[in-house]
Amino acid sequence: KDFTYWRDRMWQDIRMEKYLSASS
């Protein structure tokens, strides 16, 4: 929460992940 400021308010940073396989 409250990670970055833009357009007169604070915004969240969404953290994402992905697991890779050798076939990827």
PDB file of all heavy atoms in Angstrom:
ATOM      1  N   LYS A   1       0.832  -1.208   0.000  1.00  0.00           N
ATOM      2  CA  LYS A   1       0.000   0.000   0.000  1.00  0.00           C
ATOM      3  C   LYS A   1       0.867   1.259   0.000  1.00  0.00           C
ATOM      4  O   LYS A   1       2.000   1.240   0.471  1.00  0.00           O
ATOM      5  CB  LYS A   1      -0.908   0.016   1.227  1.00  0.00           C
ATOM      6  CG  LYS A   1      -1.953  -1.077   1.223  1.00  0.00           C
ATOM      7  CD  LYS A   1      -2.829  -0.978   2.477  1.00  0.00           C
ATOM      8  CE  LYS A   1      -3.737  -2.162   2.569  1.00  0.00           C
ATOM      9  NZ  LYS A   1      -5.022  -1.958   1.954  1.00  0.00           N
ATOM     10  N   ASP A   2       0.282   2.324  -0.504  1.00  0.00           N
ATOM     11  CA  ASP A   2       0.911   3.649  -0.491  1.00  0.00           C
ATOM     12  C   ASP A   2       2.363   3.597  -0.961  1.00  0.00           C
ATOM     13  O   ASP A   2       3.261   4.148  -0.329  1.00  0.00           O
ATOM     14  CB  ASP A   2       0.834   4.262   0.918  1.00  0.00           C
ATOM     15  CG  ASP A   2      -0.601   4.455   1.368  1.00  0.00           C
ATOM     16  OD1 ASP A   2      -1.473   4.704   0.508  1.00  0.00           O
ATOM     17  OD2 ASP A   2      -0.871   4.353   2.573  1.00  0.00           O
ATOM     18  N   PHE A   3       2.572   2.994  -2.098  1.00  0.00           N
ATOM     19  CA  PHE A   3       3.932   2.752  -2.595  1.00  0.00           C
ATOM     20  C   PHE A   3       4.443   3.873  -3.498  1.00  0.00           C
ATOM     21  O   PHE A   3       5.615   4.207  -3.482  1.00  0.00           O
ATOM     22  CB  PHE A   3       3.967   1.422  -3.354  1.00  0.00           C
ATOM     23  CG  PHE A   3       5.342   0.948  -3.670  1.00  0.00           C
ATOM     24  CD1 PHE A   3       6.098   0.304  -2.706  1.00  0.00           C
ATOM     25  CD2 PHE A   3       5.894   1.128  -4.932  1.00  0.00           C
ATOM     26  CE1 PHE A   3       7.382  -0.147  -2.988  1.00  0.00           C
ATOM     27  CE2 PHE A   3       7.166   0.680  -5.222  1.00  0.00           C
ATOM     28  CZ  PHE A   3       7.916   0.046  -4.249  1.00  0.00           C
ATOM     29  N   THR A   4       3.544   4.447  -4.310  1.00  0.00           N
ATOM     30  CA  THR A   4       3.984   5.483  -5.248  1.00  0.00           C
ATOM     31  C   THR A   4       2.923   6.556  -5.408  1.00  0.00           C
ATOM     32  O   THR A   4       1.733   6.281  -5.310  1.00  0.00           O
ATOM     33  CB  THR A   4       4.358   4.854  -6.618  1.00  0.00           C
ATOM     34  OG1 THR A   4       5.050   5.825  -7.405  1.00  0.00           O
ATOM     35  CG2 THR A   4       3.149   4.350  -7.364  1.00  0.00           C
ATOM     36  N   TYR A   5       3.389   7.772  -5.646  1.00  0.00           N
ATOM     37  CA  TYR A   5       2.510   8.930  -5.812  1.00  0.00           C
ATOM     38  C   TYR A   5       2.297   9.204  -7.298  1.00  0.00           C
ATOM     39  O   TYR A   5       3.247   9.216  -8.080  1.00  0.00           O
ATOM     40  CB  TYR A   5       3.160  10.149  -5.150  1.00  0.00           C
ATOM     41  CG  TYR A   5       2.352  11.416  -5.305  1.00  0.00           C
ATOM     42  CD1 TYR A   5       1.365  11.739  -4.391  1.00  0.00           C
ATOM     43  CD2 TYR A   5       2.584  12.286  -6.360  1.00  0.00           C
ATOM     44  CE1 TYR A   5       0.612  12.902  -4.528  1.00  0.00           C
ATOM     45  CE2 TYR A   5       1.844  13.444  -6.516  1.00  0.00           C
ATOM     46  CZ  TYR A   5       0.863  13.748  -5.592  1.00  0.00           C
ATOM     47  OH  TYR A   5       0.129  14.882  -5.736  1.00  0.00           O
ATOM     48  N   TRP A   6       1.022   9.451  -7.666  1.00  0.00           N
ATOM     49  CA  TRP A   6       0.693   9.836  -9.039  1.00  0.00           C
ATOM     50  C   TRP A   6      -0.732  10.365  -9.048  1.00  0.00           C
ATOM     51  O   TRP A   6      -1.598   9.841  -8.339  1.00  0.00           O
ATOM     52  CB  TRP A   6       0.838   8.639  -9.980  1.00  0.00           C
ATOM     53  CG  TRP A   6       0.686   8.962 -11.429  1.00  0.00           C
ATOM     54  CD1 TRP A   6       1.435   9.848 -12.160  1.00  0.00           C
ATOM     55  CD2 TRP A   6      -0.258   8.400 -12.331  1.00  0.00           C
ATOM     56  NE1 TRP A   6       1.007   9.854 -13.462  1.00  0.00           N
ATOM     57  CE2 TRP A   6      -0.030   8.968 -13.610  1.00  0.00           C
ATOM     58  CE3 TRP A   6      -1.266   7.453 -12.202  1.00  0.00           C
ATOM     59  CZ2 TRP A   6      -0.774   8.640 -14.729  1.00  0.00           C
ATOM     60  CZ3 TRP A   6      -2.003   7.123 -13.323  1.00  0.00           C
ATOM     61  CH2 TRP A   6      -1.755   7.704 -14.567  1.00  0.00           C
ATOM     62  N   ARG A   7      -0.955  11.391  -9.835  1.00  0.00           N
ATOM     63  CA  ARG A   7      -2.286  12.000  -9.963  1.00  0.00           C
ATOM     64  C   ARG A   7      -2.927  12.286  -8.603  1.00  0.00           C
ATOM     65  O   ARG A   7      -4.055  11.871  -8.324  1.00  0.00           O
ATOM     66  CB  ARG A   7      -3.196  11.142 -10.827  1.00  0.00           C
ATOM     67  CG  ARG A   7      -2.752  11.122 -12.270  1.00  0.00           C
ATOM     68  CD  ARG A   7      -3.795  10.533 -13.165  1.00  0.00           C
ATOM     69  NE  ARG A   7      -3.382  10.711 -14.562  1.00  0.00           N
ATOM     70  CZ  ARG A   7      -3.957  10.113 -15.574  1.00  0.00           C
ATOM     71  NH1 ARG A   7      -4.970   9.299 -15.391  1.00  0.00           N
ATOM     72  NH2 ARG A   7      -3.525  10.317 -16.792  1.00  0.00           N
ATOM     73  N   ASP A   8      -2.165  12.958  -7.769  1.00  0.00           N
ATOM     74  CA  ASP A   8      -2.639  13.472  -6.481  1.00  0.00           C
ATOM     75  C   ASP A   8      -3.052  12.424  -5.465  1.00  0.00           C
ATOM     76  O   ASP A   8      -3.878  12.701  -4.584  1.00  0.00           O
ATOM     77  CB  ASP A   8      -3.815  14.462  -6.699  1.00  0.00           C
ATOM     78  CG  ASP A   8      -3.390  15.663  -7.528  1.00  0.00           C
ATOM     79  OD1 ASP A   8      -2.260  16.138  -7.315  1.00  0.00           O
ATOM     80  OD2 ASP A   8      -4.172  16.114  -8.389  1.00  0.00           O
ATOM     81  N   ARG A   9      -2.496  11.230  -5.580  1.00  0.00           N
ATOM     82  CA  ARG A   9      -2.779  10.227  -4.551  1.00  0.00           C
ATOM     83  C   ARG A   9      -1.695   9.157  -4.542  1.00  0.00           C
ATOM     84  O   ARG A   9      -0.872   9.084  -5.441  1.00  0.00           O
ATOM     85  CB  ARG A   9      -4.155   9.595  -4.740  1.00  0.00           C
ATOM     86  CG  ARG A   9      -4.313   8.797  -6.026  1.00  0.00           C
ATOM     87  CD  ARG A   9      -5.629   8.064  -6.068  1.00  0.00           C
ATOM     88  NE  ARG A   9      -5.463   6.738  -5.507  1.00  0.00           N
ATOM     89  CZ  ARG A   9      -6.071   5.660  -5.956  1.00  0.00           C
ATOM     90  NH1 ARG A   9      -6.924   5.727  -6.946  1.00  0.00           N
ATOM     91  NH2 ARG A   9      -5.869   4.488  -5.415  1.00  0.00           N
ATOM     92  N   MET A  10      -1.732   8.333  -3.521  1.00  0.00           N
ATOM     93  CA  MET A  10      -0.804   7.214  -3.405  1.00  0.00           C
ATOM     94  C   MET A  10      -1.465   5.960  -3.978  1.00  0.00           C
ATOM     95  O   MET A  10      -2.675   5.764  -3.852  1.00  0.00           O
ATOM     96  CB  MET A  10      -0.413   6.981  -1.938  1.00  0.00           C
ATOM     97  CG  MET A  10       0.353   8.129  -1.309  1.00  0.00           C
ATOM     98  SD  MET A  10       1.906   8.542  -2.138  1.00  0.00           S
ATOM     99  CE  MET A  10       2.919   7.129  -1.701  1.00  0.00           C
ATOM    100  N   TRP A  11      -0.631   5.111  -4.597  1.00  0.00           N
ATOM    101  CA  TRP A  11      -1.100   3.885  -5.246  1.00  0.00           C
ATOM    102  C   TRP A  11      -0.326   2.688  -4.712  1.00  0.00           C
ATOM    103  O   TRP A  11       0.784   2.819  -4.221  1.00  0.00           O
ATOM    104  CB  TRP A  11      -0.878   3.979  -6.750  1.00  0.00           C
ATOM    105  CG  TRP A  11      -1.639   5.081  -7.414  1.00  0.00           C
ATOM    106  CD1 TRP A  11      -1.290   6.411  -7.458  1.00  0.00           C
ATOM    107  CD2 TRP A  11      -2.858   4.971  -8.133  1.00  0.00           C
ATOM    108  NE1 TRP A  11      -2.227   7.118  -8.158  1.00  0.00           N
ATOM    109  CE2 TRP A  11      -3.194   6.260  -8.595  1.00  0.00           C
ATOM    110  CE3 TRP A  11      -3.696   3.910  -8.448  1.00  0.00           C
ATOM    111  CZ2 TRP A  11      -4.334   6.514  -9.345  1.00  0.00           C
ATOM    112  CZ3 TRP A  11      -4.827   4.160  -9.208  1.00  0.00           C
ATOM    113  CH2 TRP A  11      -5.148   5.448  -9.636  1.00  0.00           C
ATOM    114  N   GLN A  12      -0.914   1.514  -4.904  1.00  0.00           N
ATOM    115  CA  GLN A  12      -0.285   0.267  -4.474  1.00  0.00           C
ATOM    116  C   GLN A  12       0.695  -0.251  -5.526  1.00  0.00           C
ATOM    117  O   GLN A  12       0.542   0.004  -6.711  1.00  0.00           O
ATOM    118  CB  GLN A  12      -1.343  -0.823  -4.263  1.00  0.00           C
ATOM    119  CG  GLN A  12      -2.338  -0.513  -3.171  1.00  0.00           C
ATOM    120  CD  GLN A  12      -3.328  -1.632  -3.031  1.00  0.00           C
ATOM    121  OE1 GLN A  12      -3.054  -2.626  -2.391  1.00  0.00           O
ATOM    122  NE2 GLN A  12      -4.492  -1.473  -3.656  1.00  0.00           N
ATOM    123  N   ASP A  13       1.675  -1.016  -5.051  1.00  0.00           N
ATOM    124  CA  ASP A  13       2.548  -1.775  -5.928  1.00  0.00           C
ATOM    125  C   ASP A  13       2.053  -3.217  -5.871  1.00  0.00           C
ATOM    126  O   ASP A  13       1.945  -3.797  -4.783  1.00  0.00           O
ATOM    127  CB  ASP A  13       4.006  -1.702  -5.456  1.00  0.00           C
ATOM    128  CG  ASP A  13       4.974  -2.251  -6.481  1.00  0.00           C
ATOM    129  OD1 ASP A  13       4.753  -2.048  -7.687  1.00  0.00           O
ATOM    130  OD2 ASP A  13       5.976  -2.875  -6.074  1.00  0.00           O
ATOM    131  N   ILE A  14       1.718  -3.770  -7.015  1.00  0.00           N
ATOM    132  CA  ILE A  14       1.247  -5.150  -7.086  1.00  0.00           C
ATOM    133  C   ILE A  14       2.452  -6.025  -7.385  1.00  0.00           C
ATOM    134  O   ILE A  14       3.151  -5.811  -8.375  1.00  0.00           O
ATOM    135  CB  ILE A  14       0.165  -5.317  -8.171  1.00  0.00           C
ATOM    136  CG1 ILE A  14      -1.030  -4.423  -7.849  1.00  0.00           C
ATOM    137  CG2 ILE A  14      -0.245  -6.783  -8.299  1.00  0.00           C
ATOM    138  CD1 ILE A  14      -2.080  -4.359  -8.947  1.00  0.00           C
ATOM    139  N   ARG A  15       2.712  -6.991  -6.527  1.00  0.00           N
ATOM    140  CA  ARG A  15       3.822  -7.914  -6.735  1.00  0.00           C
ATOM    141  C   ARG A  15       3.283  -9.180  -7.378  1.00  0.00           C
ATOM    142  O   ARG A  15       2.243  -9.713  -6.982  1.00  0.00           O
ATOM    143  CB  ARG A  15       4.522  -8.227  -5.414  1.00  0.00           C
ATOM    144  CG  ARG A  15       5.174  -6.996  -4.779  1.00  0.00           C
ATOM    145  CD  ARG A  15       6.258  -6.412  -5.692  1.00  0.00           C
ATOM    146  NE  ARG A  15       6.825  -5.184  -5.196  1.00  0.00           N
ATOM    147  CZ  ARG A  15       7.912  -5.101  -4.450  1.00  0.00           C
ATOM    148  NH1 ARG A  15       8.563  -6.198  -4.096  1.00  0.00           N
ATOM    149  NH2 ARG A  15       8.356  -3.932  -4.068  1.00  0.00           N
ATOM    150  N   MET A  16       4.015  -9.635  -8.407  1.00  0.00           N
ATOM    151  CA  MET A  16       3.593 -10.802  -9.173  1.00  0.00           C
ATOM    152  C   MET A  16       4.769 -11.766  -9.299  1.00  0.00           C
ATOM    153  O   MET A  16       5.928 -11.360  -9.174  1.00  0.00           O
ATOM    154  CB  MET A  16       3.107 -10.366 -10.560  1.00  0.00           C
ATOM    155  CG  MET A  16       1.977  -9.360 -10.509  1.00  0.00           C
ATOM    156  SD  MET A  16       1.403  -8.860 -12.144  1.00  0.00           S
ATOM    157  CE  MET A  16       0.228 -10.188 -12.448  1.00  0.00           C
ATOM    158  N   GLU A  17       4.440 -13.036  -9.547  1.00  0.00           N
ATOM    159  CA  GLU A  17       5.482 -14.047  -9.726  1.00  0.00           C
ATOM    160  C   GLU A  17       5.093 -15.005 -10.832  1.00  0.00           C
ATOM    161  O   GLU A  17       3.919 -15.104 -11.211  1.00  0.00           O
ATOM    162  CB  GLU A  17       5.719 -14.838  -8.438  1.00  0.00           C
ATOM    163  CG  GLU A  17       4.601 -15.804  -8.109  1.00  0.00           C
ATOM    164  CD  GLU A  17       4.849 -16.643  -6.866  1.00  0.00           C
ATOM    165  OE1 GLU A  17       5.914 -16.544  -6.238  1.00  0.00           O
ATOM    166  OE2 GLU A  17       3.941 -17.420  -6.510  1.00  0.00           O
ATOM    167  N   LYS A  18       6.115 -15.693 -11.313  1.00  0.00           N
ATOM    168  CA  LYS A  18       5.910 -16.756 -12.292  1.00  0.00           C
ATOM    169  C   LYS A  18       7.023 -17.774 -12.092  1.00  0.00           C
ATOM    170  O   LYS A  18       8.185 -17.409 -11.932  1.00  0.00           O
ATOM    171  CB  LYS A  18       5.964 -16.204 -13.712  1.00  0.00           C
ATOM    172  CG  LYS A  18       5.755 -17.261 -14.790  1.00  0.00           C
ATOM    173  CD  LYS A  18       5.755 -16.628 -16.171  1.00  0.00           C
ATOM    174  CE  LYS A  18       5.507 -17.657 -17.259  1.00  0.00           C
ATOM    175  NZ  LYS A  18       5.481 -17.018 -18.604  1.00  0.00           N
ATOM    176  N   TYR A  19       6.642 -19.054 -12.083  1.00  0.00           N
ATOM    177  CA  TYR A  19       7.620 -20.124 -12.040  1.00  0.00           C
ATOM    178  C   TYR A  19       7.841 -20.622 -13.471  1.00  0.00           C
ATOM    179  O   TYR A  19       6.888 -20.836 -14.215  1.00  0.00           O
ATOM    180  CB  TYR A  19       7.142 -21.273 -11.135  1.00  0.00           C
ATOM    181  CG  TYR A  19       7.287 -20.939  -9.677  1.00  0.00           C
ATOM    182  CD1 TYR A  19       6.254 -20.315  -8.986  1.00  0.00           C
ATOM    183  CD2 TYR A  19       8.461 -21.216  -8.999  1.00  0.00           C
ATOM    184  CE1 TYR A  19       6.396 -19.974  -7.647  1.00  0.00           C
ATOM    185  CE2 TYR A  19       8.607 -20.876  -7.650  1.00  0.00           C
ATOM    186  CZ  TYR A  19       7.573 -20.260  -6.998  1.00  0.00           C
ATOM    187  OH  TYR A  19       7.717 -19.912  -5.667  1.00  0.00           O
ATOM    188  N   LEU A  20       9.082 -20.752 -13.826  1.00  0.00           N
ATOM    189  CA  LEU A  20       9.461 -21.172 -15.167  1.00  0.00           C
ATOM    190  C   LEU A  20       9.884 -22.630 -15.152  1.00  0.00           C
ATOM    191  O   LEU A  20      10.410 -23.131 -14.163  1.00  0.00           O
ATOM    192  CB  LEU A  20      10.635 -20.343 -15.674  1.00  0.00           C
ATOM    193  CG  LEU A  20      10.437 -18.820 -15.668  1.00  0.00           C
ATOM    194  CD1 LEU A  20      11.740 -18.126 -15.969  1.00  0.00           C
ATOM    195  CD2 LEU A  20       9.376 -18.442 -16.680  1.00  0.00           C
ATOM    196  N   SER A  21       9.680 -23.299 -16.281  1.00  0.00           N
ATOM    197  CA  SER A  21      10.190 -24.654 -16.435  1.00  0.00           C
ATOM    198  C   SER A  21      11.111 -24.656 -17.643  1.00  0.00           C
ATOM    199  O   SER A  21      11.073 -23.750 -18.474  1.00  0.00           O
ATOM    200  CB  SER A  21       9.037 -25.640 -16.651  1.00  0.00           C
ATOM    201  OG  SER A  21       8.369 -25.346 -17.855  1.00  0.00           O
ATOM    202  N   ALA A  22      11.937 -25.663 -17.742  1.00  0.00           N
ATOM    203  CA  ALA A  22      12.851 -25.756 -18.882  1.00  0.00           C
ATOM    204  C   ALA A  22      12.079 -25.757 -20.187  1.00  0.00           C
ATOM    205  O   ALA A  22      12.550 -25.242 -21.203  1.00  0.00           O
ATOM    206  CB  ALA A  22      13.721 -27.002 -18.767  1.00  0.00           C
ATOM    207  N   SER A  23      10.860 -26.302 -20.193  1.00  0.00           N
ATOM    208  CA  SER A  23      10.064 -26.323 -21.418  1.00  0.00           C
ATOM    209  C   SER A  23       9.604 -24.917 -21.803  1.00  0.00           C
ATOM    210  O   SER A  23       9.276 -24.678 -22.957  1.00  0.00           O
ATOM    211  CB  SER A  23       8.860 -27.256 -21.264  1.00  0.00           C
ATOM    212  OG  SER A  23       7.995 -26.770 -20.265  1.00  0.00           O
ATOM    213  N   SER A  24       9.584 -23.977 -20.834  1.00  0.00           N
ATOM    214  CA  SER A  24       9.213 -22.586 -21.151  1.00  0.00           C
ATOM    215  C   SER A  24      10.168 -22.000 -22.177  1.00  0.00           C
ATOM    216  O   SER A  24       9.795 -21.161 -22.976  1.00  0.00           O
ATOM    217  CB  SER A  24       9.260 -21.709 -19.908  1.00  0.00           C
ATOM    218  OG  SER A  24       8.359 -22.160 -18.925  1.00  0.00           O
TER     219      SER A  24
END
